[in-house]
Amino acid sequence: MDLDLALVRAFVVTAETLHFGRAAARLKTSQQAHSKRIARLESQLAARLFERDGGIRLTEAGRRFEPAAREALAAGDRAVAAALDTGQAVRIDVWGHLYAPLRTVAQAVQAPGTVQPGPARDWPSAAAALLRGDADLGFGRVHPLPGGHDAGLAQRLVRLEPVDVVVSAAHPLAGAAQLRPADLRDSTLWSPAELTRLDFLRRFADAFRIARRQDGPNLGPEHLVHHVRSDPACFTLFPADAPLPDPGGLRCIPLVAPTPLYAWSLAWRKSHRHPLLDTLLRGFTDAGRTRRWLDYDPERDWLPDTDHPKLATTAPA
């Protein structure tokens, strides 16, 4: 089967918006034409990708298809860029997709056409892609890798984002206006992947002695919120500005005393500075100054110990 990338793009945008009308508007087409594209793709795959009763949501087949669909689009974009030989597009791998990393990139990039987002499951896979030369930049939370697998890479901290706790409306603490991390010790931390792979959540749990921990497969943000909504004993953490796909039946409560901060960084290969790297770094610096992305008070905020050295990387390189 030869996949039509226009159909794949229609699927990916719909998976992001969970709304046929908004997806059609983003793709500058009619809703009728957009719906026909999705139906054609489902017919080609012989699989239903979206449930359409009571709102749009991904099916199990849709959730399995989404990461591969994004990879196919990224590969197509790279193929076009190679054929045109513009030499100016920046290939940027992003990870931490549950936390919508591209919303921060979009606020910092002045000319979106200069950036080609690429898929990365996590920081180790992004680091490997950078070292192979398969990506020019990485964007997400950077942490030390065992065995020196991040040697040869540079990084710049560009955003510190406050983290909220997300609980079911039936959780015993759901009525609180704000919570301390220590207040969560009698609850169960839900991790949307193996906790050993999610460095920030693991360090948070260790630092604040959250003994009850449960993890499961990363099936996307919709699965995450469904699990939290259906289990009044559990909680998860979510960056304060990241969009939840369906906040109904949930409470997002600010954490204080201290406020955990999620560190977003740019990374690149030391031996290769893309011609547009300095321009992009200036864009992040300007956006960060305007939006106060790098505000940090050690008396008020909490960062994992491994993130403290990043504070020294905020100066222009």
Protein backbone atom coordinates (compact mmCIF):
# COMPACT_ATOMS: atom_id res chain seq x y z
CA MET A 1 0.00 0.00 0.00
CA ASP A 2 1.32 3.48 -0.90
CA LEU A 3 0.14 5.98 1.70
CA ASP A 4 -0.92 9.40 0.47
CA LEU A 5 0.84 11.88 2.76
CA ALA A 6 -2.00 14.36 2.32
CA LEU A 7 -4.28 11.81 3.97
CA VAL A 8 -1.72 11.13 6.67
CA ARG A 9 -1.41 14.86 7.37
CA ALA A 10 -5.21 15.11 7.64
CA PHE A 11 -5.13 12.32 10.22
CA VAL A 12 -2.31 13.88 12.27
CA VAL A 13 -3.95 17.31 12.43
CA THR A 14 -7.26 15.73 13.43
CA ALA A 15 -5.50 13.71 16.12
CA GLU A 16 -4.05 16.96 17.47
CA THR A 17 -7.31 18.95 17.43
CA LEU A 18 -9.83 16.13 17.96
CA HIS A 19 -12.20 18.24 15.90
CA PHE A 20 -12.89 17.86 12.16
CA GLY A 21 -13.85 21.52 11.70
CA ARG A 22 -10.74 22.93 13.39
CA ALA A 23 -8.52 20.43 11.56
CA ALA A 24 -10.06 21.43 8.23
CA ALA A 25 -9.53 25.12 9.02
CA ARG A 26 -5.88 24.51 9.88
CA LEU A 27 -5.38 22.66 6.60
CA LYS A 28 -7.31 25.37 4.70
CA THR A 29 -9.90 23.00 3.27
CA SER A 30 -13.61 22.41 3.74
CA GLN A 31 -14.85 20.17 6.51
CA GLN A 32 -16.57 17.96 3.93
CA ALA A 33 -13.35 17.49 1.96
CA HIS A 34 -11.42 16.87 5.16
CA SER A 35 -13.90 14.23 6.35
CA LYS A 36 -13.61 12.49 2.99
CA ARG A 37 -9.81 12.36 3.37
CA ILE A 38 -10.12 10.71 6.76
CA ALA A 39 -12.71 8.25 5.45
CA ARG A 40 -10.48 7.41 2.47
CA LEU A 41 -7.49 6.77 4.74
CA GLU A 42 -9.58 4.53 7.00
CA SER A 43 -10.79 2.65 3.91
CA GLN A 44 -7.22 2.13 2.67
CA LEU A 45 -6.09 0.90 6.08
CA ALA A 46 -9.26 -1.12 6.64
CA ALA A 47 -9.28 0.29 10.16
CA ARG A 48 -11.37 2.88 11.96
CA LEU A 49 -9.02 5.59 13.28
CA PHE A 50 -11.53 7.85 15.05
CA GLU A 51 -14.62 7.30 17.15
CA ARG A 52 -17.25 9.84 16.18
CA ASP A 53 -19.95 9.30 18.79
CA GLY A 54 -20.19 12.03 21.43
CA GLY A 55 -17.10 13.83 20.13
CA ILE A 56 -13.99 12.86 18.20
CA ARG A 57 -11.43 10.58 19.82
CA LEU A 58 -8.79 8.14 18.61
CA THR A 59 -9.51 4.45 18.46
CA GLU A 60 -6.91 1.91 19.53
CA ALA A 61 -5.89 1.60 15.88
CA GLY A 62 -5.63 5.39 15.66
CA ARG A 63 -3.38 5.56 18.70
CA ARG A 64 -1.11 2.88 17.24
CA PHE A 65 -1.01 4.66 13.87
CA GLU A 66 -0.28 8.18 15.22
CA PRO A 67 3.47 7.94 16.03
CA ALA A 68 4.25 6.17 12.75
CA ALA A 69 2.13 8.73 10.88
CA ARG A 70 4.16 11.56 12.38
CA GLU A 71 7.38 9.81 11.38
CA ALA A 72 6.08 9.43 7.81
CA LEU A 73 5.27 13.15 7.59
CA ALA A 74 8.67 14.11 8.97
CA ALA A 75 10.40 11.83 6.48
CA GLY A 76 8.37 13.34 3.65
CA ASP A 77 9.30 16.86 4.72
CA ARG A 78 12.97 15.91 4.86
CA ALA A 79 12.76 14.37 1.39
CA VAL A 80 11.26 17.57 -0.03
CA ALA A 81 13.92 19.71 1.65
CA ALA A 82 16.68 17.46 0.31
CA ALA A 83 15.30 17.68 -3.23
CA LEU A 84 15.01 21.47 -3.05
CA ASP A 85 18.43 21.71 -1.35
CA THR A 86 17.44 24.95 0.43
CA GLY A 87 19.97 24.28 3.18
CA GLN A 88 18.09 26.57 5.55
CA ALA A 89 15.51 24.33 7.22
CA VAL A 90 16.32 23.16 10.75
CA ARG A 91 15.44 19.56 11.57
CA ILE A 92 14.35 19.58 15.20
CA ASP A 93 13.47 16.42 17.11
CA VAL A 94 11.04 16.97 19.97
CA TRP A 95 10.07 14.65 22.79
CA GLY A 96 7.77 14.74 25.80
CA HIS A 97 4.83 14.80 23.38
CA LEU A 98 2.24 14.49 26.16
CA TYR A 99 3.37 17.93 27.30
CA ALA A 100 3.03 19.49 23.80
CA PRO A 101 6.63 20.71 23.30
CA LEU A 102 5.88 22.36 19.96
CA ARG A 103 3.68 25.02 21.60
CA THR A 104 6.85 26.51 23.12
CA VAL A 105 8.82 26.18 19.88
CA ALA A 106 6.01 27.95 18.01
CA GLN A 107 6.18 30.95 20.35
CA ALA A 108 9.91 31.35 19.81
CA VAL A 109 10.30 30.69 16.08
CA GLN A 110 9.73 33.81 14.01
CA ALA A 111 9.55 31.99 10.65
CA PRO A 112 7.86 28.60 11.15
CA GLY A 113 8.87 27.45 7.67
CA THR A 114 12.49 27.28 8.81
CA VAL A 115 11.73 24.42 11.24
CA GLN A 116 11.01 20.81 10.34
CA PRO A 117 9.76 18.96 13.45
CA GLY A 118 10.79 15.35 13.70
CA PRO A 119 9.71 12.50 15.96
CA ALA A 120 11.60 11.36 19.04
CA ARG A 121 10.24 9.05 21.71
CA ASP A 122 12.54 10.34 24.40
CA TRP A 123 15.81 12.17 25.09
CA PRO A 124 18.06 9.10 24.50
CA SER A 125 16.63 8.60 21.01
CA ALA A 126 16.88 12.34 20.25
CA ALA A 127 20.50 12.41 21.45
CA ALA A 128 21.34 9.48 19.20
CA ALA A 129 19.71 11.24 16.22
CA LEU A 130 21.71 14.41 16.91
CA LEU A 131 24.98 12.52 17.10
CA ARG A 132 24.21 10.64 13.86
CA GLY A 133 23.39 13.90 12.11
CA ASP A 134 19.76 12.87 11.54
CA ALA A 135 18.58 16.01 13.39
CA ASP A 136 20.03 19.50 13.78
CA LEU A 137 18.38 20.37 17.10
CA GLY A 138 16.54 18.64 19.89
CA PHE A 139 13.89 20.18 22.14
CA GLY A 140 12.59 18.71 25.38
CA ARG A 141 13.78 17.97 28.89
CA VAL A 142 17.47 17.04 28.86
CA HIS A 143 19.03 14.90 31.60
CA PRO A 144 22.36 13.09 31.95
CA LEU A 145 22.55 9.85 29.97
CA PRO A 146 24.45 6.81 31.27
CA GLY A 147 27.59 5.70 29.54
CA GLY A 148 28.38 9.16 28.19
CA HIS A 149 25.81 8.79 25.40
CA ASP A 150 25.27 12.56 25.45
CA ALA A 151 28.95 13.41 25.08
CA GLY A 152 29.52 15.77 22.21
CA LEU A 153 26.19 17.55 22.70
CA ALA A 154 25.58 21.11 23.89
CA GLN A 155 22.39 22.44 25.41
CA ARG A 156 20.65 25.68 26.35
CA LEU A 157 17.89 25.96 28.95
CA VAL A 158 15.09 28.02 27.39
CA ARG A 159 12.05 27.58 29.61
CA LEU A 160 11.17 26.68 33.19
CA GLU A 161 7.48 25.81 33.28
CA PRO A 162 5.51 25.49 36.55
CA VAL A 163 3.90 22.11 37.03
CA ASP A 164 0.33 21.51 38.24
CA VAL A 165 -1.07 18.40 39.83
CA VAL A 166 -3.98 16.84 37.93
CA VAL A 167 -6.55 14.83 39.89
CA SER A 168 -10.04 13.50 39.40
CA ALA A 169 -12.87 15.72 40.59
CA ALA A 170 -13.59 12.85 43.03
CA HIS A 171 -10.07 12.93 44.53
CA PRO A 172 -10.06 13.79 48.27
CA LEU A 173 -7.90 16.89 47.56
CA ALA A 174 -9.85 18.08 44.49
CA GLY A 175 -11.36 21.03 46.35
CA ALA A 176 -8.02 22.62 47.26
CA ALA A 177 -7.06 25.96 45.68
CA GLN A 178 -3.40 24.92 45.83
CA LEU A 179 -1.38 22.02 47.18
CA ARG A 180 2.12 21.30 48.41
CA PRO A 181 3.96 18.32 46.91
CA ALA A 182 4.03 16.81 50.40
CA ASP A 183 0.20 16.77 50.42
CA LEU A 184 0.31 14.07 47.73
CA ARG A 185 2.04 11.40 49.81
CA ASP A 186 -1.18 9.48 50.42
CA SER A 187 -2.04 9.44 46.71
CA THR A 188 -0.71 7.30 43.87
CA LEU A 189 1.47 8.89 41.20
CA TRP A 190 0.31 7.77 37.75
CA SER A 191 3.13 7.69 35.22
CA PRO A 192 2.16 7.45 31.52
CA ALA A 193 5.18 5.23 30.77
CA GLU A 194 7.66 3.18 32.76
CA LEU A 195 8.75 5.45 35.60
CA THR A 196 12.40 4.53 34.99
CA ARG A 197 12.09 6.27 31.59
CA LEU A 198 10.45 9.47 32.90
CA ASP A 199 13.29 11.17 34.72
CA PHE A 200 11.33 14.19 35.98
CA LEU A 201 8.45 12.21 37.51
CA ARG A 202 10.84 9.73 39.11
CA ARG A 203 12.94 12.46 40.69
CA PHE A 204 9.81 14.27 41.91
CA ALA A 205 8.52 11.09 43.54
CA ASP A 206 11.88 10.44 45.20
CA ALA A 207 12.32 14.05 46.39
CA PHE A 208 8.86 14.31 47.98
CA ARG A 209 8.64 10.71 49.17
CA ILE A 210 5.71 9.66 47.02
CA ALA A 211 5.78 5.96 47.80
CA ARG A 212 2.72 4.89 45.83
CA ARG A 213 3.58 4.76 42.14
CA GLN A 214 1.92 3.19 39.15
CA ASP A 215 2.89 3.28 35.50
CA GLY A 216 1.40 2.13 32.24
CA PRO A 217 1.79 2.48 28.48
CA ASN A 218 1.99 5.89 26.85
CA LEU A 219 -1.16 5.85 24.72
CA GLY A 220 -1.43 9.60 24.39
CA PRO A 221 -2.92 12.44 26.44
CA GLU A 222 -6.49 11.21 26.06
CA HIS A 223 -5.62 7.90 27.72
CA LEU A 224 -3.73 9.77 30.45
CA VAL A 225 -6.66 11.98 31.43
CA HIS A 226 -9.11 9.06 31.18
CA HIS A 227 -7.04 7.08 33.67
CA VAL A 228 -6.75 9.97 36.14
CA ARG A 229 -10.44 10.81 35.79
CA SER A 230 -11.47 7.22 36.54
CA ASP A 231 -9.18 6.68 39.56
CA PRO A 232 -9.87 9.05 42.50
CA ALA A 233 -6.80 7.74 44.34
CA CYS A 234 -4.22 8.78 41.76
CA PHE A 235 -2.67 11.97 40.41
CA THR A 236 -0.28 12.99 37.70
CA LEU A 237 1.78 16.08 36.96
CA PHE A 238 1.28 18.32 33.94
CA PRO A 239 2.97 21.57 32.84
CA ALA A 240 0.72 24.47 33.77
CA ASP A 241 0.39 25.86 30.23
CA ALA A 242 0.10 22.53 28.39
CA PRO A 243 -3.38 21.78 26.99
CA LEU A 244 -5.34 18.85 28.37
CA PRO A 245 -7.42 17.19 25.63
CA ASP A 246 -10.56 16.89 27.78
CA PRO A 247 -10.42 18.54 31.22
CA GLY A 248 -13.96 17.58 32.17
CA GLY A 249 -14.11 15.76 35.49
CA LEU A 250 -10.55 16.82 36.35
CA ARG A 251 -8.94 19.45 38.55
CA CYS A 252 -5.62 21.11 37.70
CA ILE A 253 -4.27 22.49 40.97
CA PRO A 254 -1.15 24.68 41.31
CA LEU A 255 1.68 23.25 43.41
CA VAL A 256 3.40 25.53 45.92
CA ALA A 257 5.97 25.39 48.70
CA PRO A 258 7.77 24.51 46.52
CA THR A 259 6.56 24.85 42.93
CA PRO A 260 8.13 22.15 40.70
CA LEU A 261 9.52 23.47 37.43
CA TYR A 262 9.84 21.49 34.21
CA ALA A 263 13.02 22.43 32.34
CA TRP A 264 12.75 22.71 28.54
CA SER A 265 16.07 22.86 26.68
CA LEU A 266 17.47 23.05 23.17
CA ALA A 267 20.29 20.61 22.35
CA TRP A 268 22.65 20.32 19.39
CA ARG A 269 25.87 18.62 18.30
CA LYS A 270 28.90 20.65 19.38
CA SER A 271 30.70 19.92 16.13
CA HIS A 272 27.83 21.21 14.00
CA ARG A 273 26.14 24.57 14.52
CA HIS A 274 23.37 24.97 11.98
CA PRO A 275 23.45 28.39 10.24
CA LEU A 276 20.08 29.25 11.81
CA LEU A 277 20.95 28.08 15.33
CA ASP A 278 21.92 31.52 16.64
CA THR A 279 18.77 33.04 15.15
CA LEU A 280 16.62 30.42 16.87
CA LEU A 281 18.44 30.89 20.17
CA ARG A 282 17.76 34.63 19.98
CA GLY A 283 14.10 33.85 19.33
CA PHE A 284 13.90 31.72 22.46
CA THR A 285 15.75 34.38 24.45
CA ASP A 286 13.36 37.12 23.32
CA ALA A 287 10.27 34.99 23.95
CA GLY A 288 11.60 33.94 27.34
CA ARG A 289 12.28 37.52 28.38
CA THR A 290 8.79 38.64 27.35
CA ARG A 291 7.01 35.68 28.95
CA ARG A 292 9.35 35.32 31.96
CA TRP A 293 10.14 31.74 31.02
CA LEU A 294 13.33 31.62 33.08
CA ASP A 295 12.06 33.01 36.39
CA TYR A 296 13.56 30.91 39.17
CA ASP A 297 13.62 31.49 42.93
CA PRO A 298 15.32 28.72 44.95
CA GLU A 299 13.24 29.73 47.99
CA ARG A 300 10.00 29.25 46.02
CA ASP A 301 10.71 26.69 43.29
CA TRP A 302 11.99 23.13 42.98
CA LEU A 303 14.21 21.71 40.27
CA PRO A 304 15.76 18.24 40.23
CA ASP A 305 19.44 18.42 41.17
CA THR A 306 20.43 17.42 37.63
CA ASP A 307 18.65 20.50 36.26
CA HIS A 308 20.52 23.05 38.40
CA PRO A 309 23.59 23.18 36.09
CA LYS A 310 21.28 24.18 33.23
CA LEU A 311 20.73 27.55 34.89
CA ALA A 312 24.25 28.46 33.80
CA THR A 313 23.41 27.74 30.14
CA THR A 314 20.85 30.51 29.79
CA ALA A 315 23.46 33.11 28.75
CA PRO A 316 23.97 33.58 24.99
CA ALA A 317 26.32 31.01 23.51
